[in-house]
Amino acid sequence: FRYPGAQLFAFDRDYSVWMLTEAVGGEFYDLAGPKSDLAFCPLRDIDNDSDVAWAVGWIEVLCELNGLKFTPKHRNSVADAVEQLRLSPTRTLTELSANVQDIEIRDALQHFTVMGPLGPLLDAEHDCLGSGRMLAFETENLLQLDDKAVIPVLLYLFRRIEQRLDGSPTLVLLDEAWSYFQHELFRDRLKEGLKTMRRRNAVVGMA
């Protein structure tokens, strides 16, 4: 923080940076914690073409994690539903599911809406993630869950980080990095992201 506009994003295990986060006035999030009411609205930012493309890809990941073999027909249906969602002030997964004119996609998405077990985490009307200079994420509880929970959350958080890379000095820390790399899909996305992050004045540190 000696550098003007610097920002830090830390992915923590076992609350090791909680005290540091509190000391510098940062924001600490216990992902899927037993006493956490943290909730995300991943589709809230779909106002430009790149946001729409990310949203369609993210929905595709959710469907494939739940066993649906995605086809061009499915992708077109999701793209149309995302375009409709841009007109809504809430932009929830439940609303997107209602917009989709494909029963297979609706069935695949139900697991992630308020009708399924991951709804409290991924189907909120308002996003709880702040915009402070230090955001820390406790992932121990999240990583105890299966890929259906881990991958959508990690992909969303890294998307939010990418949106904040405006040239300001940025540090992204991954504690116990091996625990993230065991998720193949996220590992591949991170590999691609690393190529662009450094060009935007960001450093990724892996412990």
N, C-alpha and C. Protein backbone atom coordinates (compact mmCIF):
# COMPACT_ATOMS: atom_id res chain seq x y z
N PHE A 1 0.81 -1.22 0.00
CA PHE A 1 0.00 0.00 0.00
C PHE A 1 0.85 1.27 0.00
N ARG A 2 2.16 1.12 -0.09
CA ARG A 2 3.01 2.30 -0.25
C ARG A 2 2.80 2.93 -1.63
N TYR A 3 2.24 2.14 -2.57
CA TYR A 3 2.05 2.63 -3.93
C TYR A 3 0.64 3.20 -4.09
N PRO A 4 0.53 4.36 -4.71
CA PRO A 4 -0.79 4.99 -4.89
C PRO A 4 -1.76 4.07 -5.64
N GLY A 5 -2.94 3.91 -5.09
CA GLY A 5 -3.97 3.12 -5.74
C GLY A 5 -3.77 1.62 -5.67
N ALA A 6 -2.80 1.14 -4.88
CA ALA A 6 -2.51 -0.29 -4.82
C ALA A 6 -3.70 -1.05 -4.24
N GLN A 7 -3.86 -2.29 -4.68
CA GLN A 7 -4.95 -3.13 -4.19
C GLN A 7 -4.45 -4.57 -4.05
N LEU A 8 -5.09 -5.30 -3.12
CA LEU A 8 -4.65 -6.65 -2.80
C LEU A 8 -5.86 -7.57 -2.70
N PHE A 9 -5.73 -8.75 -3.31
CA PHE A 9 -6.75 -9.80 -3.22
C PHE A 9 -6.06 -11.06 -2.72
N ALA A 10 -6.51 -11.59 -1.60
CA ALA A 10 -5.85 -12.74 -0.98
C ALA A 10 -6.83 -13.90 -0.84
N PHE A 11 -6.43 -15.06 -1.34
CA PHE A 11 -7.21 -16.29 -1.17
C PHE A 11 -6.55 -17.09 -0.06
N ASP A 12 -7.24 -17.19 1.05
CA ASP A 12 -6.66 -17.65 2.31
C ASP A 12 -7.11 -19.06 2.65
N ARG A 13 -6.34 -19.72 3.52
CA ARG A 13 -6.73 -21.01 4.10
C ARG A 13 -6.52 -20.92 5.61
N ASP A 14 -7.52 -21.33 6.38
CA ASP A 14 -7.44 -21.37 7.84
C ASP A 14 -7.25 -20.00 8.48
N TYR A 15 -7.80 -18.96 7.86
CA TYR A 15 -7.88 -17.62 8.48
C TYR A 15 -6.51 -17.02 8.80
N SER A 16 -5.49 -17.35 8.02
CA SER A 16 -4.14 -16.87 8.34
C SER A 16 -3.96 -15.37 8.07
N VAL A 17 -4.77 -14.76 7.20
CA VAL A 17 -4.62 -13.33 6.94
C VAL A 17 -5.78 -12.51 7.52
N TRP A 18 -6.59 -13.15 8.36
CA TRP A 18 -7.73 -12.42 8.91
C TRP A 18 -7.28 -11.21 9.72
N MET A 19 -6.30 -11.38 10.60
CA MET A 19 -5.86 -10.27 11.45
C MET A 19 -5.25 -9.16 10.61
N LEU A 20 -4.45 -9.52 9.61
CA LEU A 20 -3.85 -8.51 8.74
C LEU A 20 -4.94 -7.73 8.00
N THR A 21 -5.94 -8.45 7.52
CA THR A 21 -7.04 -7.80 6.80
C THR A 21 -7.76 -6.80 7.69
N GLU A 22 -8.03 -7.19 8.93
CA GLU A 22 -8.68 -6.28 9.87
C GLU A 22 -7.79 -5.08 10.17
N ALA A 23 -6.49 -5.31 10.30
CA ALA A 23 -5.56 -4.24 10.67
C ALA A 23 -5.49 -3.14 9.62
N VAL A 24 -5.61 -3.52 8.35
CA VAL A 24 -5.49 -2.51 7.28
C VAL A 24 -6.86 -2.03 6.80
N GLY A 25 -7.91 -2.42 7.50
CA GLY A 25 -9.24 -1.97 7.13
C GLY A 25 -9.78 -2.66 5.89
N GLY A 26 -9.34 -3.90 5.65
CA GLY A 26 -9.81 -4.64 4.49
C GLY A 26 -11.13 -5.35 4.75
N GLU A 27 -11.54 -6.13 3.79
CA GLU A 27 -12.80 -6.87 3.87
C GLU A 27 -12.50 -8.37 3.80
N PHE A 28 -13.00 -9.13 4.77
CA PHE A 28 -12.72 -10.55 4.87
C PHE A 28 -14.00 -11.34 4.62
N TYR A 29 -13.95 -12.29 3.69
CA TYR A 29 -15.13 -13.06 3.32
C TYR A 29 -14.88 -14.54 3.57
N ASP A 30 -15.75 -15.15 4.35
CA ASP A 30 -15.66 -16.57 4.64
C ASP A 30 -16.58 -17.30 3.67
N LEU A 31 -16.02 -17.80 2.57
CA LEU A 31 -16.80 -18.41 1.51
C LEU A 31 -17.41 -19.73 1.99
N ALA A 32 -18.74 -19.81 1.94
CA ALA A 32 -19.48 -21.01 2.36
C ALA A 32 -19.25 -21.34 3.83
N GLY A 33 -18.88 -20.35 4.62
CA GLY A 33 -18.67 -20.57 6.05
C GLY A 33 -19.97 -20.87 6.77
N PRO A 34 -19.91 -21.60 7.89
CA PRO A 34 -21.13 -22.01 8.59
C PRO A 34 -21.91 -20.83 9.17
N LYS A 35 -21.23 -19.73 9.46
CA LYS A 35 -21.91 -18.56 10.03
C LYS A 35 -21.94 -17.39 9.05
N SER A 36 -21.66 -17.67 7.80
CA SER A 36 -21.59 -16.62 6.79
C SER A 36 -22.90 -16.51 6.03
N ASP A 37 -23.35 -15.28 5.80
CA ASP A 37 -24.53 -15.04 4.97
C ASP A 37 -24.12 -14.42 3.64
N LEU A 38 -22.86 -14.66 3.25
CA LEU A 38 -22.32 -14.12 2.02
C LEU A 38 -23.10 -14.66 0.82
N ALA A 39 -23.46 -13.78 -0.10
CA ALA A 39 -24.20 -14.19 -1.29
C ALA A 39 -23.73 -13.35 -2.48
N PHE A 40 -23.72 -13.98 -3.65
CA PHE A 40 -23.24 -13.32 -4.86
C PHE A 40 -24.35 -13.21 -5.90
N CYS A 41 -24.19 -12.21 -6.75
CA CYS A 41 -25.07 -12.02 -7.91
C CYS A 41 -24.16 -11.97 -9.14
N PRO A 42 -23.68 -13.12 -9.61
CA PRO A 42 -22.66 -13.16 -10.66
C PRO A 42 -23.06 -12.54 -11.99
N LEU A 43 -24.36 -12.40 -12.25
CA LEU A 43 -24.81 -11.87 -13.53
C LEU A 43 -25.16 -10.40 -13.47
N ARG A 44 -24.73 -9.74 -12.42
CA ARG A 44 -25.13 -8.33 -12.26
C ARG A 44 -24.48 -7.43 -13.30
N ASP A 45 -23.26 -7.75 -13.76
CA ASP A 45 -22.55 -6.91 -14.72
C ASP A 45 -22.60 -7.54 -16.11
N ILE A 46 -23.62 -7.22 -16.86
CA ILE A 46 -23.76 -7.75 -18.22
C ILE A 46 -24.16 -6.62 -19.17
N ASP A 47 -23.50 -5.48 -19.00
CA ASP A 47 -23.88 -4.29 -19.76
C ASP A 47 -23.10 -4.10 -21.04
N ASN A 48 -22.00 -4.84 -21.24
CA ASN A 48 -21.28 -4.74 -22.50
C ASN A 48 -21.04 -6.12 -23.08
N ASP A 49 -20.52 -6.16 -24.29
CA ASP A 49 -20.39 -7.43 -25.00
C ASP A 49 -19.46 -8.41 -24.30
N SER A 50 -18.35 -7.91 -23.72
CA SER A 50 -17.42 -8.82 -23.04
C SER A 50 -18.05 -9.42 -21.79
N ASP A 51 -18.88 -8.62 -21.09
CA ASP A 51 -19.59 -9.14 -19.92
C ASP A 51 -20.59 -10.22 -20.31
N VAL A 52 -21.29 -9.99 -21.42
CA VAL A 52 -22.26 -10.98 -21.89
C VAL A 52 -21.55 -12.27 -22.28
N ALA A 53 -20.41 -12.15 -22.97
CA ALA A 53 -19.65 -13.34 -23.38
C ALA A 53 -19.19 -14.12 -22.16
N TRP A 54 -18.72 -13.41 -21.13
CA TRP A 54 -18.30 -14.10 -19.91
C TRP A 54 -19.49 -14.80 -19.26
N ALA A 55 -20.63 -14.11 -19.18
CA ALA A 55 -21.81 -14.68 -18.54
C ALA A 55 -22.27 -15.95 -19.25
N VAL A 56 -22.27 -15.94 -20.57
CA VAL A 56 -22.69 -17.12 -21.32
C VAL A 56 -21.72 -18.28 -21.05
N GLY A 57 -20.41 -17.98 -21.03
CA GLY A 57 -19.43 -19.02 -20.74
C GLY A 57 -19.56 -19.56 -19.33
N TRP A 58 -19.87 -18.68 -18.39
CA TRP A 58 -20.03 -19.10 -16.99
C TRP A 58 -21.25 -20.00 -16.82
N ILE A 59 -22.34 -19.63 -17.48
CA ILE A 59 -23.55 -20.48 -17.44
C ILE A 59 -23.26 -21.84 -18.07
N GLU A 60 -22.49 -21.84 -19.14
CA GLU A 60 -22.12 -23.11 -19.78
C GLU A 60 -21.36 -24.01 -18.80
N VAL A 61 -20.43 -23.41 -18.04
CA VAL A 61 -19.68 -24.18 -17.05
C VAL A 61 -20.63 -24.79 -16.02
N LEU A 62 -21.58 -24.00 -15.53
CA LEU A 62 -22.53 -24.51 -14.55
C LEU A 62 -23.31 -25.70 -15.09
N CYS A 63 -23.78 -25.57 -16.32
CA CYS A 63 -24.57 -26.65 -16.91
C CYS A 63 -23.72 -27.92 -17.08
N GLU A 64 -22.50 -27.75 -17.54
CA GLU A 64 -21.63 -28.93 -17.75
C GLU A 64 -21.25 -29.57 -16.42
N LEU A 65 -21.05 -28.76 -15.38
CA LEU A 65 -20.76 -29.32 -14.06
C LEU A 65 -21.92 -30.17 -13.55
N ASN A 66 -23.12 -29.85 -14.01
CA ASN A 66 -24.30 -30.60 -13.57
C ASN A 66 -24.71 -31.66 -14.59
N GLY A 67 -23.78 -31.99 -15.51
CA GLY A 67 -23.99 -33.15 -16.37
C GLY A 67 -24.58 -32.89 -17.74
N LEU A 68 -24.82 -31.64 -18.11
CA LEU A 68 -25.40 -31.35 -19.43
C LEU A 68 -24.29 -31.17 -20.45
N LYS A 69 -24.35 -31.92 -21.54
CA LYS A 69 -23.40 -31.75 -22.63
C LYS A 69 -23.85 -30.57 -23.48
N PHE A 70 -23.10 -29.48 -23.40
CA PHE A 70 -23.51 -28.23 -24.01
C PHE A 70 -23.32 -28.28 -25.52
N THR A 71 -24.31 -27.79 -26.26
CA THR A 71 -24.28 -27.77 -27.72
C THR A 71 -24.45 -26.32 -28.20
N PRO A 72 -24.19 -26.04 -29.47
CA PRO A 72 -24.44 -24.70 -30.00
C PRO A 72 -25.88 -24.23 -29.77
N LYS A 73 -26.84 -25.17 -29.84
CA LYS A 73 -28.23 -24.81 -29.58
C LYS A 73 -28.40 -24.31 -28.15
N HIS A 74 -27.79 -25.00 -27.19
CA HIS A 74 -27.86 -24.57 -25.80
C HIS A 74 -27.23 -23.19 -25.63
N ARG A 75 -26.07 -23.01 -26.27
CA ARG A 75 -25.35 -21.74 -26.13
C ARG A 75 -26.17 -20.58 -26.68
N ASN A 76 -26.86 -20.81 -27.78
CA ASN A 76 -27.70 -19.76 -28.34
C ASN A 76 -28.87 -19.43 -27.42
N SER A 77 -29.44 -20.45 -26.81
CA SER A 77 -30.55 -20.22 -25.88
C SER A 77 -30.10 -19.41 -24.68
N VAL A 78 -28.91 -19.72 -24.15
CA VAL A 78 -28.39 -18.97 -23.01
C VAL A 78 -28.08 -17.54 -23.41
N ALA A 79 -27.50 -17.34 -24.58
CA ALA A 79 -27.17 -15.99 -25.04
C ALA A 79 -28.43 -15.14 -25.15
N ASP A 80 -29.51 -15.72 -25.69
CA ASP A 80 -30.78 -14.99 -25.79
C ASP A 80 -31.32 -14.64 -24.40
N ALA A 81 -31.20 -15.58 -23.45
CA ALA A 81 -31.70 -15.35 -22.10
C ALA A 81 -30.89 -14.26 -21.39
N VAL A 82 -29.58 -14.24 -21.63
CA VAL A 82 -28.73 -13.20 -21.02
C VAL A 82 -29.10 -11.83 -21.58
N GLU A 83 -29.36 -11.76 -22.88
CA GLU A 83 -29.77 -10.49 -23.49
C GLU A 83 -31.06 -9.99 -22.86
N GLN A 84 -32.01 -10.90 -22.60
CA GLN A 84 -33.26 -10.49 -21.93
C GLN A 84 -32.98 -10.02 -20.51
N LEU A 85 -32.03 -10.67 -19.86
CA LEU A 85 -31.73 -10.35 -18.46
C LEU A 85 -31.13 -8.95 -18.32
N ARG A 86 -30.52 -8.44 -19.37
CA ARG A 86 -29.92 -7.10 -19.32
C ARG A 86 -30.97 -6.03 -19.04
N LEU A 87 -32.22 -6.33 -19.32
CA LEU A 87 -33.30 -5.36 -19.11
C LEU A 87 -33.83 -5.38 -17.68
N SER A 88 -33.35 -6.35 -16.88
CA SER A 88 -33.87 -6.52 -15.52
C SER A 88 -32.99 -5.81 -14.50
N PRO A 89 -33.58 -5.27 -13.44
CA PRO A 89 -32.76 -4.64 -12.38
C PRO A 89 -32.16 -5.64 -11.41
N THR A 90 -32.67 -6.89 -11.38
CA THR A 90 -32.18 -7.86 -10.40
C THR A 90 -31.12 -8.80 -10.97
N ARG A 91 -31.36 -9.37 -12.13
CA ARG A 91 -30.39 -10.19 -12.84
C ARG A 91 -29.93 -11.40 -12.03
N THR A 92 -30.87 -12.16 -11.53
CA THR A 92 -30.55 -13.35 -10.75
C THR A 92 -30.50 -14.58 -11.66
N LEU A 93 -29.91 -15.65 -11.12
CA LEU A 93 -29.90 -16.92 -11.84
C LEU A 93 -31.31 -17.47 -12.03
N THR A 94 -32.15 -17.27 -11.03
CA THR A 94 -33.52 -17.73 -11.14
C THR A 94 -34.23 -17.05 -12.31
N GLU A 95 -34.01 -15.76 -12.44
CA GLU A 95 -34.64 -15.02 -13.54
C GLU A 95 -34.10 -15.46 -14.89
N LEU A 96 -32.78 -15.68 -14.95
CA LEU A 96 -32.20 -16.17 -16.20
C LEU A 96 -32.78 -17.53 -16.56
N SER A 97 -32.91 -18.41 -15.57
CA SER A 97 -33.45 -19.74 -15.82
C SER A 97 -34.88 -19.66 -16.36
N ALA A 98 -35.63 -18.70 -15.85
CA ALA A 98 -37.00 -18.53 -16.33
C ALA A 98 -37.03 -18.02 -17.77
N ASN A 99 -35.99 -17.27 -18.16
CA ASN A 99 -35.92 -16.72 -19.51
C ASN A 99 -35.49 -17.76 -20.55
N VAL A 100 -34.78 -18.78 -20.11
CA VAL A 100 -34.24 -19.78 -21.04
C VAL A 100 -35.36 -20.64 -21.62
N GLN A 101 -35.39 -20.73 -22.94
CA GLN A 101 -36.42 -21.52 -23.60
C GLN A 101 -35.92 -22.94 -23.89
N ASP A 102 -35.31 -23.56 -22.89
CA ASP A 102 -34.79 -24.91 -23.04
C ASP A 102 -34.88 -25.62 -21.70
N ILE A 103 -35.66 -26.68 -21.64
CA ILE A 103 -35.92 -27.35 -20.37
C ILE A 103 -34.66 -28.03 -19.83
N GLU A 104 -33.77 -28.50 -20.71
CA GLU A 104 -32.53 -29.13 -20.26
C GLU A 104 -31.65 -28.15 -19.51
N ILE A 105 -31.57 -26.93 -20.00
CA ILE A 105 -30.76 -25.91 -19.33
C ILE A 105 -31.39 -25.54 -18.00
N ARG A 106 -32.70 -25.42 -17.98
CA ARG A 106 -33.37 -25.10 -16.72
C ARG A 106 -33.10 -26.16 -15.67
N ASP A 107 -33.19 -27.41 -16.07
CA ASP A 107 -32.93 -28.50 -15.13
C ASP A 107 -31.49 -28.46 -14.62
N ALA A 108 -30.55 -28.16 -15.52
CA ALA A 108 -29.14 -28.13 -15.12
C ALA A 108 -28.84 -26.96 -14.19
N LEU A 109 -29.54 -25.85 -14.36
CA LEU A 109 -29.29 -24.66 -13.55
C LEU A 109 -29.99 -24.69 -12.19
N GLN A 110 -30.98 -25.55 -12.05
CA GLN A 110 -31.76 -25.54 -10.80
C GLN A 110 -30.89 -25.75 -9.57
N HIS A 111 -29.84 -26.55 -9.71
CA HIS A 111 -28.93 -26.84 -8.60
C HIS A 111 -28.31 -25.56 -8.04
N PHE A 112 -28.19 -24.52 -8.89
CA PHE A 112 -27.48 -23.30 -8.51
C PHE A 112 -28.42 -22.15 -8.16
N THR A 113 -29.73 -22.36 -8.33
CA THR A 113 -30.70 -21.32 -8.01
C THR A 113 -31.25 -21.52 -6.60
N VAL A 114 -32.18 -20.66 -6.20
CA VAL A 114 -32.75 -20.77 -4.87
C VAL A 114 -33.50 -22.08 -4.68
N MET A 115 -33.79 -22.78 -5.77
CA MET A 115 -34.45 -24.08 -5.67
C MET A 115 -33.47 -25.20 -5.35
N GLY A 116 -32.16 -24.90 -5.40
CA GLY A 116 -31.14 -25.91 -5.17
C GLY A 116 -30.23 -25.55 -4.00
N PRO A 117 -29.28 -26.41 -3.67
CA PRO A 117 -28.43 -26.21 -2.50
C PRO A 117 -27.45 -25.05 -2.59
N LEU A 118 -27.12 -24.62 -3.81
CA LEU A 118 -26.15 -23.53 -3.96
C LEU A 118 -26.82 -22.18 -4.18
N GLY A 119 -28.13 -22.16 -4.16
CA GLY A 119 -28.85 -20.91 -4.35
C GLY A 119 -28.49 -19.81 -3.36
N PRO A 120 -28.36 -20.13 -2.06
CA PRO A 120 -28.01 -19.08 -1.10
C PRO A 120 -26.67 -18.40 -1.39
N LEU A 121 -25.79 -19.08 -2.11
CA LEU A 121 -24.47 -18.52 -2.40
C LEU A 121 -24.41 -17.82 -3.75
N LEU A 122 -25.15 -18.32 -4.75
CA LEU A 122 -24.97 -17.83 -6.12
C LEU A 122 -26.21 -17.19 -6.74
N ASP A 123 -27.31 -17.11 -6.02
CA ASP A 123 -28.55 -16.63 -6.62
C ASP A 123 -29.15 -15.47 -5.85
N ALA A 124 -28.30 -14.53 -5.47
CA ALA A 124 -28.78 -13.37 -4.71
C ALA A 124 -29.21 -12.25 -5.65
N GLU A 125 -30.09 -11.38 -5.16
CA GLU A 125 -30.50 -10.21 -5.94
C GLU A 125 -29.47 -9.10 -5.86
N HIS A 126 -28.69 -9.10 -4.78
CA HIS A 126 -27.65 -8.09 -4.59
C HIS A 126 -26.35 -8.79 -4.23
N ASP A 127 -25.24 -8.24 -4.71
CA ASP A 127 -23.94 -8.85 -4.48
C ASP A 127 -23.32 -8.29 -3.21
N CYS A 128 -22.78 -9.18 -2.37
CA CYS A 128 -22.19 -8.76 -1.10
C CYS A 128 -20.72 -8.37 -1.22
N LEU A 129 -20.12 -8.55 -2.39
CA LEU A 129 -18.70 -8.29 -2.53
C LEU A 129 -18.44 -6.79 -2.61
N GLY A 130 -17.52 -6.31 -1.76
CA GLY A 130 -17.21 -4.89 -1.72
C GLY A 130 -16.16 -4.49 -2.74
N SER A 131 -15.71 -3.24 -2.62
CA SER A 131 -14.75 -2.70 -3.58
C SER A 131 -13.58 -2.03 -2.88
N GLY A 132 -13.24 -2.51 -1.67
CA GLY A 132 -12.13 -1.93 -0.92
C GLY A 132 -10.78 -2.26 -1.51
N ARG A 133 -9.72 -1.71 -0.88
CA ARG A 133 -8.37 -1.90 -1.43
C ARG A 133 -7.80 -3.27 -1.07
N MET A 134 -8.37 -3.95 -0.06
CA MET A 134 -7.94 -5.31 0.25
C MET A 134 -9.16 -6.18 0.48
N LEU A 135 -9.27 -7.22 -0.33
CA LEU A 135 -10.32 -8.21 -0.17
C LEU A 135 -9.66 -9.56 0.09
N ALA A 136 -10.06 -10.23 1.16
CA ALA A 136 -9.50 -11.54 1.50
C ALA A 136 -10.62 -12.57 1.53
N PHE A 137 -10.33 -13.73 0.98
CA PHE A 137 -11.34 -14.78 0.86
C PHE A 137 -10.86 -16.03 1.59
N GLU A 138 -11.56 -16.42 2.64
CA GLU A 138 -11.27 -17.67 3.34
C GLU A 138 -11.94 -18.80 2.55
N THR A 139 -11.13 -19.75 2.06
CA THR A 139 -11.65 -20.77 1.16
C THR A 139 -11.71 -22.16 1.76
N GLU A 140 -11.32 -22.32 3.02
CA GLU A 140 -11.27 -23.65 3.62
C GLU A 140 -12.63 -24.35 3.54
N ASN A 141 -13.70 -23.65 3.92
CA ASN A 141 -15.02 -24.27 3.89
C ASN A 141 -15.50 -24.52 2.46
N LEU A 142 -15.22 -23.58 1.57
CA LEU A 142 -15.63 -23.75 0.18
C LEU A 142 -14.97 -24.97 -0.45
N LEU A 143 -13.68 -25.15 -0.19
CA LEU A 143 -12.94 -26.24 -0.82
C LEU A 143 -13.31 -27.62 -0.28
N GLN A 144 -14.10 -27.65 0.80
CA GLN A 144 -14.61 -28.93 1.29
C GLN A 144 -15.79 -29.41 0.45
N LEU A 145 -16.33 -28.52 -0.38
CA LEU A 145 -17.46 -28.87 -1.23
C LEU A 145 -16.95 -29.42 -2.56
N ASP A 146 -17.87 -29.85 -3.43
CA ASP A 146 -17.44 -30.42 -4.70
C ASP A 146 -17.26 -29.34 -5.76
N ASP A 147 -16.88 -29.77 -6.97
CA ASP A 147 -16.59 -28.83 -8.05
C ASP A 147 -17.78 -27.95 -8.40
N LYS A 148 -19.00 -28.44 -8.18
CA LYS A 148 -20.18 -27.67 -8.52
C LYS A 148 -20.25 -26.37 -7.73
N ALA A 149 -19.65 -26.35 -6.56
CA ALA A 149 -19.62 -25.14 -5.74
C ALA A 149 -18.32 -24.37 -5.94
N VAL A 150 -17.21 -25.09 -5.94
CA VAL A 150 -15.90 -24.45 -5.96
C VAL A 150 -15.65 -23.67 -7.24
N ILE A 151 -15.83 -24.33 -8.38
CA ILE A 151 -15.46 -23.72 -9.66
C ILE A 151 -16.31 -22.49 -9.99
N PRO A 152 -17.65 -22.51 -9.86
CA PRO A 152 -18.41 -21.30 -10.16
C PRO A 152 -18.01 -20.11 -9.30
N VAL A 153 -17.74 -20.33 -8.02
CA VAL A 153 -17.37 -19.24 -7.13
C VAL A 153 -16.00 -18.68 -7.49
N LEU A 154 -15.02 -19.55 -7.70
CA LEU A 154 -13.68 -19.08 -8.03
C LEU A 154 -13.65 -18.34 -9.37
N LEU A 155 -14.36 -18.87 -10.36
CA LEU A 155 -14.40 -18.19 -11.65
C LEU A 155 -15.03 -16.81 -11.52
N TYR A 156 -16.07 -16.72 -10.72
CA TYR A 156 -16.72 -15.41 -10.54
C TYR A 156 -15.80 -14.43 -9.83
N LEU A 157 -15.14 -14.86 -8.77
CA LEU A 157 -14.27 -13.95 -8.02
C LEU A 157 -13.12 -13.46 -8.89
N PHE A 158 -12.54 -14.34 -9.69
CA PHE A 158 -11.46 -13.91 -10.56
C PHE A 158 -11.97 -12.98 -11.66
N ARG A 159 -13.19 -13.16 -12.07
CA ARG A 159 -13.78 -12.22 -13.03
C ARG A 159 -13.88 -10.83 -12.41
N ARG A 160 -14.32 -10.77 -11.17
CA ARG A 160 -14.43 -9.47 -10.49
C ARG A 160 -13.05 -8.83 -10.32
N ILE A 161 -12.05 -9.65 -10.03
CA ILE A 161 -10.69 -9.12 -9.91
C ILE A 161 -10.22 -8.57 -11.26
N GLU A 162 -10.45 -9.32 -12.33
CA GLU A 162 -10.06 -8.86 -13.66
C GLU A 162 -10.71 -7.53 -14.01
N GLN A 163 -11.95 -7.34 -13.59
CA GLN A 163 -12.65 -6.10 -13.88
C GLN A 163 -12.02 -4.90 -13.16
N ARG A 164 -11.28 -5.17 -12.09
CA ARG A 164 -10.66 -4.09 -11.33
C ARG A 164 -9.21 -3.82 -11.73
N LEU A 165 -8.71 -4.54 -12.70
CA LEU A 165 -7.33 -4.33 -13.15
C LEU A 165 -7.30 -3.16 -14.12
N ASP A 166 -7.10 -1.98 -13.57
CA ASP A 166 -7.11 -0.76 -14.37
C ASP A 166 -5.72 -0.14 -14.49
N GLY A 167 -4.69 -0.92 -14.18
CA GLY A 167 -3.33 -0.40 -14.20
C GLY A 167 -2.79 -0.08 -12.82
N SER A 168 -3.67 -0.07 -11.81
CA SER A 168 -3.22 0.14 -10.44
C SER A 168 -2.37 -1.05 -9.99
N PRO A 169 -1.33 -0.82 -9.19
CA PRO A 169 -0.51 -1.95 -8.70
C PRO A 169 -1.39 -2.94 -7.94
N THR A 170 -1.40 -4.18 -8.38
CA THR A 170 -2.31 -5.18 -7.83
C THR A 170 -1.55 -6.45 -7.47
N LEU A 171 -1.83 -6.98 -6.29
CA LEU A 171 -1.25 -8.23 -5.85
C LEU A 171 -2.37 -9.23 -5.57
N VAL A 172 -2.28 -10.41 -6.18
CA VAL A 172 -3.23 -11.49 -5.95
C VAL A 172 -2.47 -12.64 -5.31
N LEU A 173 -2.86 -13.02 -4.10
CA LEU A 173 -2.16 -14.07 -3.36
C LEU A 173 -3.02 -15.33 -3.28
N LEU A 174 -2.40 -16.47 -3.57
CA LEU A 174 -3.07 -17.76 -3.45
C LEU A 174 -2.32 -18.58 -2.42
N ASP A 175 -2.87 -18.68 -1.21
CA ASP A 175 -2.26 -19.50 -0.17
C ASP A 175 -2.67 -20.96 -0.38
N GLU A 176 -1.74 -21.89 -0.14
CA GLU A 176 -2.00 -23.30 -0.43
C GLU A 176 -2.49 -23.45 -1.86
N ALA A 177 -1.69 -22.93 -2.80
CA ALA A 177 -2.12 -22.85 -4.20
C ALA A 177 -2.47 -24.20 -4.80
N TRP A 178 -1.86 -25.26 -4.31
CA TRP A 178 -2.13 -26.59 -4.85
C TRP A 178 -3.62 -26.95 -4.76
N SER A 179 -4.29 -26.43 -3.72
CA SER A 179 -5.69 -26.79 -3.51
C SER A 179 -6.60 -26.21 -4.60
N TYR A 180 -6.15 -25.15 -5.28
CA TYR A 180 -6.92 -24.59 -6.38
C TYR A 180 -6.59 -25.30 -7.69
N PHE A 181 -5.33 -25.69 -7.83
CA PHE A 181 -4.89 -26.31 -9.07
C PHE A 181 -5.44 -27.72 -9.26
N GLN A 182 -5.94 -28.33 -8.21
CA GLN A 182 -6.49 -29.68 -8.37
C GLN A 182 -7.83 -29.65 -9.10
N HIS A 183 -8.38 -28.46 -9.28
CA HIS A 183 -9.61 -28.30 -10.05
C HIS A 183 -9.21 -27.94 -11.49
N GLU A 184 -9.26 -28.91 -12.38
CA GLU A 184 -8.68 -28.77 -13.72
C GLU A 184 -9.24 -27.58 -14.48
N LEU A 185 -10.55 -27.41 -14.46
CA LEU A 185 -11.15 -26.33 -15.24
C LEU A 185 -10.68 -24.97 -14.74
N PHE A 186 -10.64 -24.79 -13.42
CA PHE A 186 -10.18 -23.51 -12.88
C PHE A 186 -8.70 -23.32 -13.17
N ARG A 187 -7.92 -24.38 -13.09
CA ARG A 187 -6.48 -24.29 -13.37
C ARG A 187 -6.24 -23.79 -14.80
N ASP A 188 -7.01 -24.31 -15.74
CA ASP A 188 -6.84 -23.89 -17.13
C ASP A 188 -7.23 -22.42 -17.32
N ARG A 189 -8.31 -21.99 -16.66
CA ARG A 189 -8.72 -20.59 -16.77
C ARG A 189 -7.68 -19.67 -16.14
N LEU A 190 -7.12 -20.08 -15.01
CA LEU A 190 -6.11 -19.27 -14.34
C LEU A 190 -4.86 -19.15 -15.20
N LYS A 191 -4.49 -20.22 -15.85
CA LYS A 191 -3.32 -20.20 -16.74
C LYS A 191 -3.49 -19.15 -17.82
N GLU A 192 -4.69 -19.07 -18.40
CA GLU A 192 -4.94 -18.05 -19.43
C GLU A 192 -4.94 -16.65 -18.83
N GLY A 193 -5.49 -16.54 -17.62
CA GLY A 193 -5.56 -15.23 -16.98
C GLY A 193 -4.19 -14.67 -16.62
N LEU A 194 -3.26 -15.56 -16.26
CA LEU A 194 -1.93 -15.10 -15.88
C LEU A 194 -1.22 -14.38 -17.03
N LYS A 195 -1.56 -14.76 -18.25
CA LYS A 195 -0.91 -14.15 -19.41
C LYS A 195 -1.28 -12.68 -19.57
N THR A 196 -2.49 -12.32 -19.13
CA THR A 196 -2.95 -10.94 -19.31
C THR A 196 -2.78 -10.10 -18.05
N MET A 197 -2.77 -10.74 -16.88
CA MET A 197 -2.71 -9.98 -15.63
C MET A 197 -1.43 -9.14 -15.54
N ARG A 198 -0.30 -9.69 -15.90
CA ARG A 198 0.96 -8.95 -15.74
C ARG A 198 0.98 -7.72 -16.64
N ARG A 199 0.31 -7.80 -17.79
CA ARG A 199 0.27 -6.64 -18.68
C ARG A 199 -0.59 -5.52 -18.10
N ARG A 200 -1.38 -5.86 -17.10
CA ARG A 200 -2.24 -4.86 -16.46
C ARG A 200 -1.75 -4.51 -15.06
N ASN A 201 -0.46 -4.70 -14.85
CA ASN A 201 0.22 -4.30 -13.60
C ASN A 201 -0.21 -5.12 -12.39
N ALA A 202 -0.48 -6.42 -12.62
CA ALA A 202 -0.87 -7.30 -11.53
C ALA A 202 0.14 -8.42 -11.38
N VAL A 203 0.40 -8.81 -10.14
CA VAL A 203 1.29 -9.92 -9.81
C VAL A 203 0.48 -10.96 -9.06
N VAL A 204 0.65 -12.23 -9.45
CA VAL A 204 0.00 -13.33 -8.77
C VAL A 204 1.07 -14.10 -7.98
N GLY A 205 0.90 -14.17 -6.67
CA GLY A 205 1.83 -14.90 -5.82
C GLY A 205 1.21 -16.20 -5.34
N MET A 206 1.94 -17.30 -5.48
CA MET A 206 1.41 -18.61 -5.11
C MET A 206 2.28 -19.22 -4.01
N ALA A 207 1.66 -19.58 -2.89
CA ALA A 207 2.38 -20.18 -1.78
C ALA A 207 2.04 -21.66 -1.73
